[in-house]
Amino acid sequence: MTAGGAAGGESTTSLSSSIELIQEVVEAVKPFSNNPFILGHGGPLVDPESVGEMLHLTGADGYATGSTGERMPVEVSVAQAVREFKSIGLY
């Protein structure tokens, strides 16, 4: 479950712990496969910054997006639009 957004759950794992776990998976799988394709997903990987950090610090090949690529960006843009409409005031 992704932690974040209006419908997201609470993160039970820190970003650093998740990065360590992903790296452990990478190190455990690579000796048994010539060309594994390993993706990170979920938990505290909720925005481009956290995903970028995970990719930079692990041997993962990418990120499998879900709500972080479809629901959460919409929530942010809708919330911003509502704030802008609310700030108009009455004339």
C-alpha atoms as a PDB file:
ATOM      1  CA  MET A   1       0.000   0.000   0.000  1.00  0.00           C
ATOM      2  CA  THR A   2       1.282   3.416  -0.859  1.00  0.00           C
ATOM      3  CA  ALA A   3       1.615   5.726   2.100  1.00  0.00           C
ATOM      4  CA  GLY A   4       0.386   9.135   1.140  1.00  0.00           C
ATOM      5  CA  GLY A   5      -2.337  11.150  -0.450  1.00  0.00           C
ATOM      6  CA  ALA A   6      -5.917  11.441   0.761  1.00  0.00           C
ATOM      7  CA  ALA A   7      -6.632   7.724   0.362  1.00  0.00           C
ATOM      8  CA  GLY A   8      -3.178   6.366   1.169  1.00  0.00           C
ATOM      9  CA  GLY A   9      -2.252   4.446   4.258  1.00  0.00           C
ATOM     10  CA  GLU A  10       0.230   5.390   6.897  1.00  0.00           C
ATOM     11  CA  SER A  11       3.782   4.331   6.205  1.00  0.00           C
ATOM     12  CA  THR A  12       4.927   1.570   8.498  1.00  0.00           C
ATOM     13  CA  THR A  13       8.445   1.574   7.076  1.00  0.00           C
ATOM     14  CA  SER A  14      10.843   4.468   6.700  1.00  0.00           C
ATOM     15  CA  LEU A  15      12.319   5.380   3.344  1.00  0.00           C
ATOM     16  CA  SER A  16      15.802   4.382   4.488  1.00  0.00           C
ATOM     17  CA  SER A  17      14.558   0.978   5.703  1.00  0.00           C
ATOM     18  CA  SER A  18      12.750   0.409   2.421  1.00  0.00           C
ATOM     19  CA  ILE A  19      15.846   1.340   0.439  1.00  0.00           C
ATOM     20  CA  GLU A  20      17.909  -1.103   2.504  1.00  0.00           C
ATOM     21  CA  LEU A  21      15.343  -3.854   1.907  1.00  0.00           C
ATOM     22  CA  ILE A  22      15.251  -3.211  -1.843  1.00  0.00           C
ATOM     23  CA  GLN A  23      19.036  -3.367  -1.976  1.00  0.00           C
ATOM     24  CA  GLU A  24      18.952  -6.665  -0.048  1.00  0.00           C
ATOM     25  CA  VAL A  25      16.523  -8.043  -2.642  1.00  0.00           C
ATOM     26  CA  VAL A  26      18.773  -6.848  -5.465  1.00  0.00           C
ATOM     27  CA  GLU A  27      21.805  -8.517  -3.907  1.00  0.00           C
ATOM     28  CA  ALA A  28      19.887 -11.735  -3.203  1.00  0.00           C
ATOM     29  CA  VAL A  29      18.421 -12.078  -6.707  1.00  0.00           C
ATOM     30  CA  LYS A  30      21.262 -11.031  -8.998  1.00  0.00           C
ATOM     31  CA  PRO A  31      23.519 -14.060  -8.318  1.00  0.00           C
ATOM     32  CA  PHE A  32      20.714 -16.399  -9.414  1.00  0.00           C
ATOM     33  CA  SER A  33      19.742 -14.694 -12.656  1.00  0.00           C
ATOM     34  CA  ASN A  34      21.749 -13.398 -15.589  1.00  0.00           C
ATOM     35  CA  ASN A  35      19.493 -10.425 -16.191  1.00  0.00           C
ATOM     36  CA  PRO A  36      16.914  -9.833 -13.451  1.00  0.00           C
ATOM     37  CA  PHE A  37      14.610  -6.846 -13.746  1.00  0.00           C
ATOM     38  CA  ILE A  38      13.958  -5.495 -10.260  1.00  0.00           C
ATOM     39  CA  LEU A  39      11.462  -2.747  -9.512  1.00  0.00           C
ATOM     40  CA  GLY A  40      10.703  -0.851  -6.334  1.00  0.00           C
ATOM     41  CA  HIS A  41       7.099  -0.098  -5.410  1.00  0.00           C
ATOM     42  CA  GLY A  42       4.841   1.147  -2.618  1.00  0.00           C
ATOM     43  CA  GLY A  43       5.375   2.089   0.981  1.00  0.00           C
ATOM     44  CA  PRO A  44       7.260   5.351   1.416  1.00  0.00           C
ATOM     45  CA  LEU A  45       8.044   5.622  -2.307  1.00  0.00           C
ATOM     46  CA  VAL A  46       5.422   8.318  -2.800  1.00  0.00           C
ATOM     47  CA  ASP A  47       6.989  11.032  -4.943  1.00  0.00           C
ATOM     48  CA  PRO A  48       9.741  11.631  -7.491  1.00  0.00           C
ATOM     49  CA  GLU A  49      12.233  12.548  -4.765  1.00  0.00           C
ATOM     50  CA  SER A  50      11.822   9.317  -2.778  1.00  0.00           C
ATOM     51  CA  VAL A  51      11.802   7.186  -5.934  1.00  0.00           C
ATOM     52  CA  GLY A  52      14.890   8.978  -7.230  1.00  0.00           C
ATOM     53  CA  GLU A  53      16.690   8.377  -3.953  1.00  0.00           C
ATOM     54  CA  MET A  54      15.763   4.678  -4.063  1.00  0.00           C
ATOM     55  CA  LEU A  55      16.981   4.331  -7.649  1.00  0.00           C
ATOM     56  CA  HIS A  56      20.197   6.214  -6.884  1.00  0.00           C
ATOM     57  CA  LEU A  57      21.035   4.113  -3.809  1.00  0.00           C
ATOM     58  CA  THR A  58      20.063   0.641  -5.009  1.00  0.00           C
ATOM     59  CA  GLY A  59      20.666  -1.586  -7.979  1.00  0.00           C
ATOM     60  CA  ALA A  60      16.953  -1.582  -8.810  1.00  0.00           C
ATOM     61  CA  ASP A  61      16.122  -1.160 -12.487  1.00  0.00           C
ATOM     62  CA  GLY A  62      13.080   1.049 -12.055  1.00  0.00           C
ATOM     63  CA  TYR A  63       9.886   1.837 -10.240  1.00  0.00           C
ATOM     64  CA  ALA A  64       6.430   0.321 -10.689  1.00  0.00           C
ATOM     65  CA  THR A  65       4.072   3.213 -10.200  1.00  0.00           C
ATOM     66  CA  GLY A  66       0.480   2.969  -9.161  1.00  0.00           C
ATOM     67  CA  SER A  67      -1.365   5.607  -7.174  1.00  0.00           C
ATOM     68  CA  THR A  68       1.775   7.769  -7.064  1.00  0.00           C
ATOM     69  CA  GLY A  69       1.517   8.212 -10.824  1.00  0.00           C
ATOM     70  CA  GLU A  70      -2.231   8.336 -11.237  1.00  0.00           C
ATOM     71  CA  ARG A  71      -4.160   9.308  -8.083  1.00  0.00           C
ATOM     72  CA  MET A  72      -1.753  11.414  -6.042  1.00  0.00           C
ATOM     73  CA  PRO A  73      -0.830  13.936  -8.794  1.00  0.00           C
ATOM     74  CA  VAL A  74      -4.548  14.487  -9.450  1.00  0.00           C
ATOM     75  CA  GLU A  75      -5.174  15.049  -5.727  1.00  0.00           C
ATOM     76  CA  VAL A  76      -2.442  17.691  -5.655  1.00  0.00           C
ATOM     77  CA  SER A  77      -3.706  19.539  -8.726  1.00  0.00           C
ATOM     78  CA  VAL A  78      -7.354  19.423  -7.622  1.00  0.00           C
ATOM     79  CA  ALA A  79      -6.452  20.691  -4.150  1.00  0.00           C
ATOM     80  CA  GLN A  80      -4.476  23.547  -5.717  1.00  0.00           C
ATOM     81  CA  ALA A  81      -7.387  24.453  -8.007  1.00  0.00           C
ATOM     82  CA  VAL A  82      -9.804  24.473  -5.043  1.00  0.00           C
ATOM     83  CA  ARG A  83      -7.449  26.753  -3.071  1.00  0.00           C
ATOM     84  CA  GLU A  84      -7.261  29.140  -6.034  1.00  0.00           C
ATOM     85  CA  PHE A  85     -11.046  29.258  -6.429  1.00  0.00           C
ATOM     86  CA  LYS A  86     -11.494  29.804  -2.687  1.00  0.00           C
ATOM     87  CA  SER A  87      -9.052  32.719  -2.785  1.00  0.00           C
ATOM     88  CA  ILE A  88     -11.095  34.650  -5.369  1.00  0.00           C
ATOM     89  CA  GLY A  89     -13.424  36.107  -2.754  1.00  0.00           C
ATOM     90  CA  LEU A  90     -16.685  37.928  -3.340  1.00  0.00           C
ATOM     91  CA  TYR A  91     -16.977  41.200  -5.235  1.00  0.00           C
END
